[in-house]
Amino acid sequence: MSDAQPITALRPGQAAPHVFLCGDPARVDRISSRWAHAEVVADVREFRVVTGERDGVALTAASTGIGAPSTAVILEELVKLGSHTFIRVGNSGGLAPVLALGDLVVTTGAVRDDGTSRTYVVPEYPAVADHAIVGGLLAAARSRGTSCRAGITWSLDAFYMRNAVLTEDGGMASMSVDGYWPRGHASRLEDMRAARVVNMEMEAGVTLTLAGLFGVRAGAICVVSDRTPWPGPAEIDLDRNMDECIEVALEAMLRLAREGGGA
């Protein structure tokens, strides 16, 4: 029987214990651009995986694609290969009114509004970030003089169905085809704000849930790439401050690796 993983074909020894996760395959090369001995060990479907070394620490960067189902696939395969510490570096929509484009948010826990994590475990099971990762990310941001907030993330499915744009009269309108938007979606957004949920994205919930189930540690840091509801169609910037987000995550990961711990 082959020892390769069924989707990525990754084999033992190709994934490091410490892993950066990102949605966009192109960001994998960006994260690993200054690593030594960086090697593409998988490049299939939405999954691009690079393993290398920085300051003597073995590291892997892997893309998850968009959303929970593909994130669960790559996380499963990496855990089976011995990876035990995961930091998601991603984009998110800002819900807290104080957030601006380019701000950084560290997830402390996630509202599990995705279908995949519910396939694994009852919805009452919490999606909680590892405390050492949360602390490490916030400490790294402070050491760099980078503004960074911590809070609860709304992790959801269906990008267009959950986002909205502001109308001229101050209301909200759907971003979906033909303006399709079931009743209650606008109030759902307002409910999340009232509950002091800070940002929204699509992968943190399943990442944290599976980390809890599998006995590994995980966390997430995201750039605010848009604000929900959007003031207009131009109010999205997937690249603003992403380099700083990557650097904060890298500093935190290296510190975590030197301090030890993991599975």
Protein backbone atom coordinates (compact mmCIF):
# COMPACT_ATOMS: atom_id res chain seq x y z
CA MET A 1 0.00 0.00 0.00
CA SER A 2 1.29 3.48 -0.89
CA ASP A 3 2.34 5.71 1.99
CA ALA A 4 1.34 8.81 -0.01
CA GLN A 5 -1.67 10.83 1.08
CA PRO A 6 -4.60 10.27 -1.30
CA ILE A 7 -5.28 13.88 -2.36
CA THR A 8 -1.96 15.73 -2.20
CA ALA A 9 0.30 12.67 -2.63
CA LEU A 10 2.42 14.05 0.21
CA ARG A 11 4.70 11.47 1.80
CA PRO A 12 6.27 11.14 5.26
CA GLY A 13 9.09 13.63 5.70
CA GLN A 14 7.67 16.18 3.28
CA ALA A 15 5.70 18.21 5.82
CA ALA A 16 7.24 20.08 8.74
CA PRO A 17 5.78 20.09 12.26
CA HIS A 18 5.06 23.84 11.98
CA VAL A 19 2.72 24.89 9.17
CA PHE A 20 1.34 28.12 7.76
CA LEU A 21 -2.06 27.77 6.12
CA CYS A 22 -3.45 30.22 3.56
CA GLY A 23 -6.33 30.16 1.13
CA ASP A 24 -4.52 31.41 -1.97
CA PRO A 25 -1.94 29.04 -3.56
CA ALA A 26 0.06 32.06 -4.72
CA ARG A 27 0.51 33.17 -1.11
CA VAL A 28 2.42 29.98 -0.32
CA ASP A 29 5.40 31.23 -2.35
CA ARG A 30 5.08 34.63 -0.72
CA ILE A 31 5.20 33.14 2.76
CA SER A 32 8.19 30.93 1.93
CA SER A 33 10.08 33.45 -0.24
CA ARG A 34 12.90 33.96 2.27
CA TRP A 35 13.20 30.41 3.53
CA ALA A 36 16.26 28.26 2.91
CA HIS A 37 15.96 25.05 0.92
CA ALA A 38 12.34 25.82 0.01
CA GLU A 39 10.90 23.04 -2.13
CA VAL A 40 7.48 22.55 -3.68
CA VAL A 41 6.41 19.17 -2.35
CA ALA A 42 2.83 19.20 -3.65
CA ASP A 43 0.95 21.19 -6.27
CA VAL A 44 -2.41 19.63 -7.03
CA ARG A 45 -5.91 21.10 -7.27
CA GLU A 46 -6.08 24.01 -4.80
CA PHE A 47 -3.26 22.61 -2.70
CA ARG A 48 0.24 24.03 -3.11
CA VAL A 49 2.67 22.97 -0.40
CA VAL A 50 6.22 24.23 0.13
CA THR A 51 8.58 22.95 2.81
CA GLY A 52 11.83 24.64 3.80
CA GLU A 53 13.71 26.16 6.70
CA ARG A 54 14.04 29.53 8.39
CA ASP A 55 16.60 30.22 11.12
CA GLY A 56 17.10 26.50 11.61
CA VAL A 57 13.38 25.75 12.01
CA ALA A 58 11.68 23.42 9.54
CA LEU A 59 8.53 25.03 8.15
CA THR A 60 5.75 24.25 5.70
CA ALA A 61 3.35 26.58 3.92
CA ALA A 62 0.20 25.05 2.44
CA SER A 63 -2.80 26.48 0.63
CA THR A 64 -6.27 25.37 1.64
CA GLY A 65 -8.33 26.85 -1.17
CA ILE A 66 -11.50 28.71 -0.26
CA GLY A 67 -13.74 27.37 2.47
CA ALA A 68 -14.03 24.60 5.01
CA PRO A 69 -14.22 21.39 2.90
CA SER A 70 -10.82 21.78 1.24
CA THR A 71 -9.30 23.15 4.45
CA ALA A 72 -10.31 19.96 6.24
CA VAL A 73 -8.68 17.84 3.52
CA ILE A 74 -5.25 19.46 3.73
CA LEU A 75 -5.36 19.68 7.52
CA GLU A 76 -6.19 15.97 7.83
CA GLU A 77 -3.34 14.99 5.55
CA LEU A 78 -0.79 17.24 7.25
CA VAL A 79 -1.72 16.01 10.73
CA LYS A 80 -1.38 12.41 9.53
CA LEU A 81 2.16 13.30 8.40
CA GLY A 82 3.11 14.67 11.82
CA SER A 83 2.40 18.41 11.57
CA HIS A 84 1.20 19.75 14.91
CA THR A 85 1.23 23.55 14.91
CA PHE A 86 -0.83 25.56 12.40
CA ILE A 87 -1.21 29.29 11.85
CA ARG A 88 -3.71 30.48 9.27
CA VAL A 89 -2.62 33.66 7.46
CA GLY A 90 -5.62 35.00 5.61
CA ASN A 91 -8.05 37.67 4.51
CA SER A 92 -11.21 38.58 6.37
CA GLY A 93 -14.10 40.99 6.40
CA GLY A 94 -14.21 43.46 9.26
CA LEU A 95 -17.39 43.48 11.35
CA ALA A 96 -16.28 45.66 14.26
CA PRO A 97 -16.88 49.31 13.30
CA VAL A 98 -13.42 50.32 14.56
CA LEU A 99 -11.63 48.13 12.00
CA ALA A 100 -10.15 49.64 8.86
CA LEU A 101 -8.77 48.06 5.71
CA GLY A 102 -5.36 46.56 6.42
CA ASP A 103 -5.88 46.06 10.16
CA LEU A 104 -4.78 42.72 11.62
CA VAL A 105 -7.06 40.48 13.68
CA VAL A 106 -6.01 37.47 15.76
CA THR A 107 -8.77 34.91 16.25
CA THR A 108 -9.38 33.80 19.84
CA GLY A 109 -12.32 31.56 18.92
CA ALA A 110 -14.74 31.11 16.05
CA VAL A 111 -18.48 30.99 15.48
CA ARG A 112 -18.86 27.70 13.61
CA ASP A 113 -21.23 28.65 10.80
CA ASP A 114 -19.85 26.14 8.30
CA GLY A 115 -21.13 22.74 7.28
CA THR A 116 -17.87 20.81 7.35
CA SER A 117 -17.03 21.16 11.03
CA ARG A 118 -20.56 20.04 11.89
CA THR A 119 -19.89 16.86 9.95
CA TYR A 120 -17.09 16.10 12.39
CA VAL A 121 -18.68 17.01 15.70
CA VAL A 122 -21.80 18.50 17.30
CA PRO A 123 -22.20 22.29 16.89
CA GLU A 124 -21.84 22.82 20.64
CA TYR A 125 -18.17 21.76 20.41
CA PRO A 126 -16.08 24.95 20.62
CA ALA A 127 -13.64 26.22 18.00
CA VAL A 128 -10.94 27.71 20.23
CA ALA A 129 -7.51 28.97 19.21
CA ASP A 130 -4.49 27.63 21.05
CA HIS A 131 -3.59 30.11 23.79
CA ALA A 132 0.15 29.96 23.06
CA ILE A 133 -0.46 30.81 19.41
CA VAL A 134 -2.78 33.69 20.29
CA GLY A 135 -0.23 35.05 22.75
CA GLY A 136 2.62 34.53 20.31
CA LEU A 137 0.87 36.39 17.50
CA LEU A 138 -0.04 39.33 19.74
CA ALA A 139 3.49 39.47 21.17
CA ALA A 140 5.00 39.41 17.68
CA ALA A 141 2.72 42.23 16.57
CA ARG A 142 3.68 44.31 19.62
CA SER A 143 7.40 43.73 19.05
CA ARG A 144 7.02 44.99 15.49
CA GLY A 145 4.90 47.97 16.49
CA THR A 146 1.99 46.59 14.48
CA SER A 147 -1.59 47.36 15.49
CA CYS A 148 -3.43 44.09 16.02
CA ARG A 149 -6.75 43.20 17.65
CA ALA A 150 -7.86 39.89 19.12
CA GLY A 151 -11.41 38.61 19.14
CA ILE A 152 -14.03 36.17 17.97
CA THR A 153 -14.26 35.35 14.27
CA TRP A 154 -17.42 34.41 12.36
CA SER A 155 -16.37 31.48 10.17
CA LEU A 156 -18.90 30.76 7.46
CA ASP A 157 -19.73 29.22 4.11
CA ALA A 158 -20.86 31.03 0.94
CA PHE A 159 -18.86 34.21 0.36
CA TYR A 160 -21.52 36.01 -1.69
CA MET A 161 -24.48 34.92 0.42
CA ARG A 162 -23.03 36.24 3.68
CA ASN A 163 -21.56 39.50 2.39
CA ALA A 164 -23.57 42.62 1.65
CA VAL A 165 -23.20 46.09 0.18
CA LEU A 166 -24.68 49.29 1.53
CA THR A 167 -27.50 50.82 -0.47
CA GLU A 168 -27.98 54.54 -1.06
CA ASP A 169 -30.67 54.68 1.62
CA GLY A 170 -28.37 53.11 4.21
CA GLY A 171 -29.79 49.60 3.98
CA MET A 172 -28.08 46.38 2.92
CA ALA A 173 -28.31 44.51 -0.37
CA SER A 174 -27.14 41.08 -1.42
CA MET A 175 -23.97 40.47 -3.42
CA SER A 176 -25.41 37.25 -4.84
CA VAL A 177 -26.82 36.67 -8.34
CA ASP A 178 -29.96 38.72 -9.03
CA GLY A 179 -29.77 40.06 -5.48
CA TYR A 180 -30.82 36.70 -4.02
CA TRP A 181 -30.83 36.95 -0.22
CA PRO A 182 -33.13 34.99 2.11
CA ARG A 183 -34.92 36.90 4.81
CA GLY A 184 -32.94 37.14 8.00
CA HIS A 185 -29.47 37.56 6.51
CA ALA A 186 -29.30 41.28 7.31
CA SER A 187 -30.35 40.67 10.89
CA ARG A 188 -27.78 37.87 11.13
CA LEU A 189 -25.04 40.36 10.36
CA GLU A 190 -26.37 42.75 12.96
CA ASP A 191 -26.65 39.95 15.51
CA MET A 192 -22.97 39.09 15.02
CA ARG A 193 -21.98 42.70 15.54
CA ALA A 194 -24.13 42.91 18.66
CA ALA A 195 -22.36 39.80 19.96
CA ARG A 196 -19.02 41.63 19.50
CA VAL A 197 -17.79 39.31 16.77
CA VAL A 198 -14.82 41.10 15.24
CA ASN A 199 -14.37 39.71 11.73
CA MET A 200 -15.63 37.10 9.28
CA GLU A 201 -13.90 34.59 7.02
CA MET A 202 -14.28 30.99 5.83
CA GLU A 203 -11.54 28.72 7.20
CA ALA A 204 -10.72 29.44 10.85
CA GLY A 205 -13.71 27.62 12.31
CA VAL A 206 -12.94 24.26 10.75
CA THR A 207 -9.21 24.69 11.38
CA LEU A 208 -9.69 25.29 15.10
CA THR A 209 -12.34 22.59 15.43
CA LEU A 210 -10.22 19.92 13.80
CA ALA A 211 -7.16 20.97 15.76
CA GLY A 212 -9.12 20.40 18.95
CA LEU A 213 -10.37 17.02 17.78
CA PHE A 214 -6.95 15.84 16.60
CA GLY A 215 -4.94 17.09 19.58
CA VAL A 216 -2.85 19.62 17.69
CA ARG A 217 -2.68 23.40 18.08
CA ALA A 218 -3.91 26.08 15.70
CA GLY A 219 -4.57 29.78 15.44
CA ALA A 220 -5.31 32.42 12.85
CA ILE A 221 -4.29 35.95 11.95
CA CYS A 222 -6.10 37.79 9.17
CA VAL A 223 -5.91 41.09 7.37
CA VAL A 224 -9.13 43.09 7.17
CA SER A 225 -9.57 43.10 3.39
CA ASP A 226 -13.08 44.57 3.32
CA ARG A 227 -15.67 45.86 5.74
CA THR A 228 -19.11 44.29 5.96
CA PRO A 229 -21.40 45.62 4.70
CA TRP A 230 -19.25 47.13 1.97
CA PRO A 231 -19.66 50.85 1.28
CA GLY A 232 -19.15 50.02 -2.39
CA PRO A 233 -17.71 47.45 -4.83
CA ALA A 234 -14.22 48.99 -4.68
CA GLU A 235 -13.96 48.51 -0.93
CA ILE A 236 -11.93 45.31 -1.03
CA ASP A 237 -8.16 45.00 -0.99
CA LEU A 238 -6.82 41.47 -0.61
CA ASP A 239 -3.21 42.61 -0.54
CA ARG A 240 -3.18 45.57 1.85
CA ASN A 241 -0.82 44.86 4.77
CA MET A 242 -0.52 41.16 3.86
CA ASP A 243 3.29 41.30 4.02
CA GLU A 244 3.09 42.53 7.61
CA CYS A 245 0.56 39.82 8.45
CA ILE A 246 2.98 37.21 7.11
CA GLU A 247 5.91 38.68 9.06
CA VAL A 248 3.94 38.71 12.32
CA ALA A 249 2.91 35.09 11.79
CA LEU A 250 6.48 34.08 10.94
CA GLU A 251 7.95 35.73 14.04
CA ALA A 252 5.31 34.06 16.21
CA MET A 253 5.86 30.65 14.64
CA LEU A 254 9.63 30.78 15.06
CA ARG A 255 9.21 31.74 18.71
CA LEU A 256 6.74 28.91 19.26
CA ALA A 257 9.12 26.42 17.64
CA ARG A 258 12.02 27.50 19.83
CA GLU A 259 9.89 27.27 22.97
CA GLY A 260 8.81 23.75 22.05
CA GLY A 261 5.43 22.15 22.60
CA GLY A 262 2.95 20.88 20.07
CA ALA A 263 1.02 17.66 19.82
